[in-house]
N, C-alpha and C. Protein backbone atom coordinates (compact mmCIF):
# COMPACT_ATOMS: atom_id res chain seq x y z
N UNK A 1 0.29 -1.14 -0.27
CA UNK A 1 0.17 0.15 0.09
C UNK A 1 0.82 1.31 0.20
N UNK A 2 1.64 1.13 0.75
CA UNK A 2 2.85 2.28 0.84
C UNK A 2 3.39 2.81 -0.36
N UNK A 3 4.00 1.72 -0.65
CA UNK A 3 4.22 1.12 -2.96
C UNK A 3 3.17 2.47 -3.41
N UNK A 4 2.23 2.65 -3.36
CA UNK A 4 1.10 2.28 -4.49
C UNK A 4 1.55 3.81 -3.77
N UNK A 5 1.14 4.29 -2.92
CA UNK A 5 0.88 5.63 -2.35
C UNK A 5 2.27 6.44 -2.77
N UNK A 6 3.91 6.46 -3.03
CA UNK A 6 4.42 6.81 -2.67
C UNK A 6 4.48 7.18 -4.68
N UNK A 7 4.30 5.79 -5.59
CA UNK A 7 3.90 6.20 -6.71
C UNK A 7 2.58 7.02 -6.87
N UNK A 8 2.23 7.21 -6.36
CA UNK A 8 0.49 8.23 -6.45
C UNK A 8 0.88 9.27 -6.85
N UNK A 9 1.81 9.87 -5.53
CA UNK A 9 2.20 11.18 -5.20
C UNK A 9 3.59 11.50 -5.58
N UNK A 10 3.88 11.16 -6.96
CA UNK A 10 5.19 10.95 -7.31
C UNK A 10 5.06 11.81 -8.30
N UNK A 11 3.55 11.43 -9.14
CA UNK A 11 3.55 12.38 -10.21
C UNK A 11 2.31 13.11 -10.02
N UNK A 12 2.38 13.69 -9.05
CA UNK A 12 1.80 15.03 -8.51
C UNK A 12 2.67 16.12 -8.83
N UNK A 13 2.78 17.15 -9.44
CA UNK A 13 3.56 18.38 -9.37
C UNK A 13 3.20 19.36 -8.32
N UNK A 14 4.43 19.97 -7.87
CA UNK A 14 4.08 21.07 -7.13
C UNK A 14 3.54 22.34 -7.34
N UNK A 15 2.92 23.21 -7.16
CA UNK A 15 2.88 24.43 -7.65
C UNK A 15 3.78 25.28 -8.23
N UNK A 16 4.64 25.01 -8.02
CA UNK A 16 5.83 25.83 -8.60
C UNK A 16 6.33 24.98 -9.97
N UNK A 17 6.66 23.48 -9.79
CA UNK A 17 6.57 22.78 -11.10
C UNK A 17 5.01 22.91 -11.98
N UNK A 18 3.96 22.92 -11.46
CA UNK A 18 2.76 23.67 -12.08
C UNK A 18 2.84 24.49 -13.01
N UNK A 19 3.45 25.64 -13.05
CA UNK A 19 3.29 27.61 -12.80
C UNK A 19 4.67 26.84 -14.12
N UNK A 20 5.96 26.43 -13.86
CA UNK A 20 6.84 26.71 -14.89
C UNK A 20 6.39 25.37 -15.73
N UNK A 21 5.52 24.87 -15.82
CA UNK A 21 4.47 23.96 -17.08
C UNK A 21 4.28 24.95 -18.01
N UNK A 22 3.24 25.73 -17.35
CA UNK A 22 1.95 26.85 -17.68
C UNK A 22 2.83 27.60 -18.21
N UNK A 23 3.84 27.92 -18.05
CA UNK A 23 4.39 29.40 -18.48
C UNK A 23 5.29 28.83 -19.76
N UNK A 24 5.72 27.77 -19.74
CA UNK A 24 6.25 27.15 -21.14
C UNK A 24 5.48 26.75 -21.99
N UNK A 25 4.40 26.27 -21.93
CA UNK A 25 2.85 26.02 -22.71
C UNK A 25 2.77 27.65 -23.65
N UNK A 26 2.92 28.55 -22.70
CA UNK A 26 2.80 29.65 -23.64
C UNK A 26 3.46 30.41 -24.68
N UNK A 27 4.75 29.73 -24.95
CA UNK A 27 6.02 29.69 -25.55
C UNK A 27 7.10 30.86 -25.17
N UNK A 28 7.95 30.32 -24.33
CA UNK A 28 9.00 31.27 -23.93
C UNK A 28 10.05 32.04 -24.15
N UNK A 29 10.57 31.68 -25.70
CA UNK A 29 10.66 32.25 -26.65
C UNK A 29 10.46 33.44 -26.90
N UNK A 30 9.13 33.73 -26.10
CA UNK A 30 7.82 35.07 -27.36
C UNK A 30 8.25 36.33 -26.47
N UNK A 31 8.40 37.06 -26.42
CA UNK A 31 7.96 38.94 -25.18
C UNK A 31 6.42 38.78 -25.45
N UNK A 32 6.57 38.79 -24.45
CA UNK A 32 4.61 39.02 -24.29
C UNK A 32 4.58 40.21 -23.17
N UNK A 33 4.05 41.17 -23.86
CA UNK A 33 4.12 43.01 -23.42
C UNK A 33 1.97 42.67 -23.44
N UNK A 34 1.94 43.28 -22.05
CA UNK A 34 0.57 43.54 -21.25
C UNK A 34 -0.05 44.72 -20.83
N UNK A 35 -0.67 45.21 -21.36
CA UNK A 35 -1.87 46.64 -21.21
C UNK A 35 -3.22 46.17 -20.81
N UNK A 36 -3.42 46.70 -19.92
CA UNK A 36 -4.95 46.88 -18.89
C UNK A 36 -4.68 48.24 -18.83
N UNK A 37 -6.34 48.20 -17.79
CA UNK A 37 -6.72 49.57 -17.30
C UNK A 37 -6.60 50.82 -18.19
N UNK A 38 -7.00 51.00 -19.68
CA UNK A 38 -7.26 52.36 -20.68
C UNK A 38 -8.69 52.48 -20.28
N UNK A 39 -9.28 52.09 -19.70
CA UNK A 39 -10.59 53.28 -19.16
C UNK A 39 -11.17 53.68 -19.84
N UNK A 40 -11.13 53.91 -21.25
CA UNK A 40 -11.67 54.75 -22.50
C UNK A 40 -10.86 56.21 -22.56
N UNK A 41 -9.73 55.58 -22.20
CA UNK A 41 -8.78 57.15 -22.63
C UNK A 41 -7.69 56.47 -23.55
N UNK A 42 -8.33 56.88 -25.00
CA UNK A 42 -8.07 56.20 -26.57
C UNK A 42 -6.42 57.11 -26.33
N UNK A 43 -6.23 58.37 -25.72
CA UNK A 43 -5.25 59.29 -26.00
C UNK A 43 -4.59 58.73 -25.68
N UNK A 44 -4.16 57.90 -24.13
CA UNK A 44 -3.38 57.64 -23.32
C UNK A 44 -3.08 56.00 -23.39
N UNK A 45 -3.43 55.74 -23.60
CA UNK A 45 -3.66 54.09 -24.70
C UNK A 45 -2.68 53.95 -25.86
N UNK A 46 -2.97 55.57 -26.29
CA UNK A 46 -1.54 55.56 -27.44
C UNK A 46 -0.77 55.23 -26.99
N UNK A 47 -1.10 56.93 -26.13
CA UNK A 47 0.83 56.80 -25.51
C UNK A 47 1.63 55.57 -25.16
N UNK A 48 0.82 54.89 -24.56
CA UNK A 48 1.44 53.30 -23.65
C UNK A 48 1.81 52.63 -25.01
N UNK A 49 0.76 52.77 -25.90
CA UNK A 49 0.92 51.67 -27.34
C UNK A 49 2.90 52.20 -27.49
N UNK A 50 2.66 53.78 -27.73
CA UNK A 50 4.44 54.10 -28.42
C UNK A 50 5.45 53.79 -27.51
N UNK A 51 5.39 53.20 -26.60
CA UNK A 51 6.43 53.22 -24.96
C UNK A 51 6.82 51.60 -25.07
N UNK A 52 5.56 51.13 -25.76
CA UNK A 52 6.16 49.85 -25.81
C UNK A 52 6.90 49.18 -26.94
N UNK A 53 5.72 50.37 -28.43
CA UNK A 53 6.83 49.83 -29.39
C UNK A 53 8.35 50.29 -29.23
N UNK A 54 9.26 51.75 -28.00
CA UNK A 54 10.24 52.16 -28.54
C UNK A 54 10.84 51.14 -27.23
N UNK A 55 10.01 50.65 -26.55
CA UNK A 55 10.97 49.53 -25.83
C UNK A 55 12.02 48.25 -26.77
N UNK A 56 10.60 47.87 -27.51
CA UNK A 56 10.70 46.49 -28.45
C UNK A 56 11.54 47.15 -29.29
N UNK A 57 11.76 48.19 -29.44
CA UNK A 57 12.97 48.67 -30.61
C UNK A 57 14.22 48.77 -30.46
N UNK A 58 14.44 49.00 -28.42
CA UNK A 58 15.24 50.02 -27.96
C UNK A 58 16.65 48.17 -28.16
N UNK A 59 15.86 47.31 -28.24
CA UNK A 59 16.95 46.25 -27.83
C UNK A 59 16.95 45.20 -29.12
N UNK A 60 17.33 44.90 -29.78
CA UNK A 60 17.17 43.87 -31.03
C UNK A 60 16.53 42.69 -31.22
N UNK A 61 17.26 42.29 -30.05
CA UNK A 61 17.17 40.77 -28.92
C UNK A 61 15.07 40.95 -28.91
N UNK A 62 14.64 41.92 -28.47
CA UNK A 62 13.60 42.13 -28.15
C UNK A 62 12.99 41.63 -29.35
N UNK A 63 12.90 42.48 -30.14
CA UNK A 63 12.09 42.53 -31.79
C UNK A 63 12.23 41.38 -31.89
N UNK A 64 13.21 40.40 -31.83
CA UNK A 64 13.44 38.82 -32.38
C UNK A 64 12.62 37.94 -31.40
N UNK A 65 12.24 38.50 -30.34
CA UNK A 65 11.65 37.70 -29.21
C UNK A 65 10.02 37.54 -30.16
N UNK A 66 9.85 37.68 -31.07
CA UNK A 66 7.96 38.54 -32.02
C UNK A 66 7.72 38.40 -31.12
N UNK A 67 7.59 39.27 -30.49
CA UNK A 67 6.62 40.09 -29.33
C UNK A 67 5.08 40.31 -29.60
N UNK A 68 4.28 39.83 -28.79
CA UNK A 68 3.00 40.03 -28.58
C UNK A 68 2.17 41.07 -27.88
N UNK A 69 1.46 41.76 -28.02
CA UNK A 69 0.97 42.79 -27.07
C UNK A 69 -0.17 41.99 -26.98
N UNK A 70 -1.08 41.71 -25.25
CA UNK A 70 -1.83 41.64 -25.45
C UNK A 70 -2.27 42.89 -23.90
N UNK A 71 -4.43 42.54 -24.47
CA UNK A 71 -4.94 43.97 -23.53
C UNK A 71 -5.67 43.15 -22.92
N UNK A 72 -5.50 43.60 -21.61
CA UNK A 72 -6.71 42.89 -20.59
C UNK A 72 -7.70 44.01 -19.30
N UNK A 73 -8.36 44.01 -20.33
CA UNK A 73 -9.41 44.12 -19.49
C UNK A 73 -9.75 45.91 -19.14
N UNK A 74 -10.93 46.66 -18.57
CA UNK A 74 -11.15 47.26 -17.99
C UNK A 74 -10.61 48.61 -19.68
N UNK A 75 -11.31 48.20 -20.40
CA UNK A 75 -11.47 49.13 -21.62
C UNK A 75 -12.50 50.30 -21.73
N UNK A 76 -13.47 50.23 -21.21
CA UNK A 76 -14.68 51.71 -21.43
C UNK A 76 -15.31 51.57 -20.60
N UNK A 77 -14.71 52.27 -19.56
CA UNK A 77 -15.10 53.15 -17.87
C UNK A 77 -14.28 54.06 -17.96
N UNK A 78 -15.14 55.25 -17.25
CA UNK A 78 -14.26 56.41 -16.97
C UNK A 78 -13.92 56.83 -17.94
N UNK A 79 -13.56 56.79 -19.08
CA UNK A 79 -12.69 57.75 -20.17
C UNK A 79 -14.26 58.01 -20.99
N UNK A 80 -13.69 59.12 -21.43
CA UNK A 80 -14.78 59.48 -22.65
C UNK A 80 -14.06 59.13 -24.18
N UNK A 81 -13.26 58.16 -24.80
CA UNK A 81 -13.17 57.37 -25.38
C UNK A 81 -13.11 55.89 -25.43
N UNK A 82 -14.30 55.77 -25.07
CA UNK A 82 -14.61 54.33 -24.64
C UNK A 82 -14.76 53.55 -26.45
N UNK A 83 -15.89 54.38 -27.39
CA UNK A 83 -15.85 53.80 -28.86
C UNK A 83 -14.30 53.90 -29.86
N UNK A 84 -13.42 54.72 -29.37
CA UNK A 84 -12.47 54.73 -30.05
C UNK A 84 -11.18 53.88 -29.40
N UNK A 85 -11.42 53.26 -28.29
CA UNK A 85 -10.71 52.29 -27.60
C UNK A 85 -10.63 50.93 -28.29
N UNK A 86 -12.38 50.49 -28.68
CA UNK A 86 -12.93 49.67 -28.63
C UNK A 86 -13.00 49.12 -30.11
N UNK A 87 -12.46 50.35 -31.07
CA UNK A 87 -12.48 50.60 -32.43
C UNK A 87 -11.62 49.81 -32.59
N UNK A 88 -10.16 50.50 -31.76
CA UNK A 88 -9.15 50.22 -31.92
C UNK A 88 -8.11 48.55 -32.13
N UNK A 89 -9.01 48.61 -30.97
CA UNK A 89 -8.18 47.21 -29.88
C UNK A 89 -9.61 46.25 -31.29
């Protein structure tokens, strides 16, 4: 019985091992950039995107990593340019 339990638990990954596996599944060779909390501010979103572009272009290795920009959440409330934000995204 003890041998069976040991073999069962040896296949369970620790949270760190699982997190590493999850990260590897994203494609670690790819530079991921995340932009969130735009809140309907199209002008500020544009500034942020320009800063991301500058960041990527400043180091050739970053551009070689096939960068991906991910938008996450809070696109439309508070600001007055929600439509422009959604149209652009």
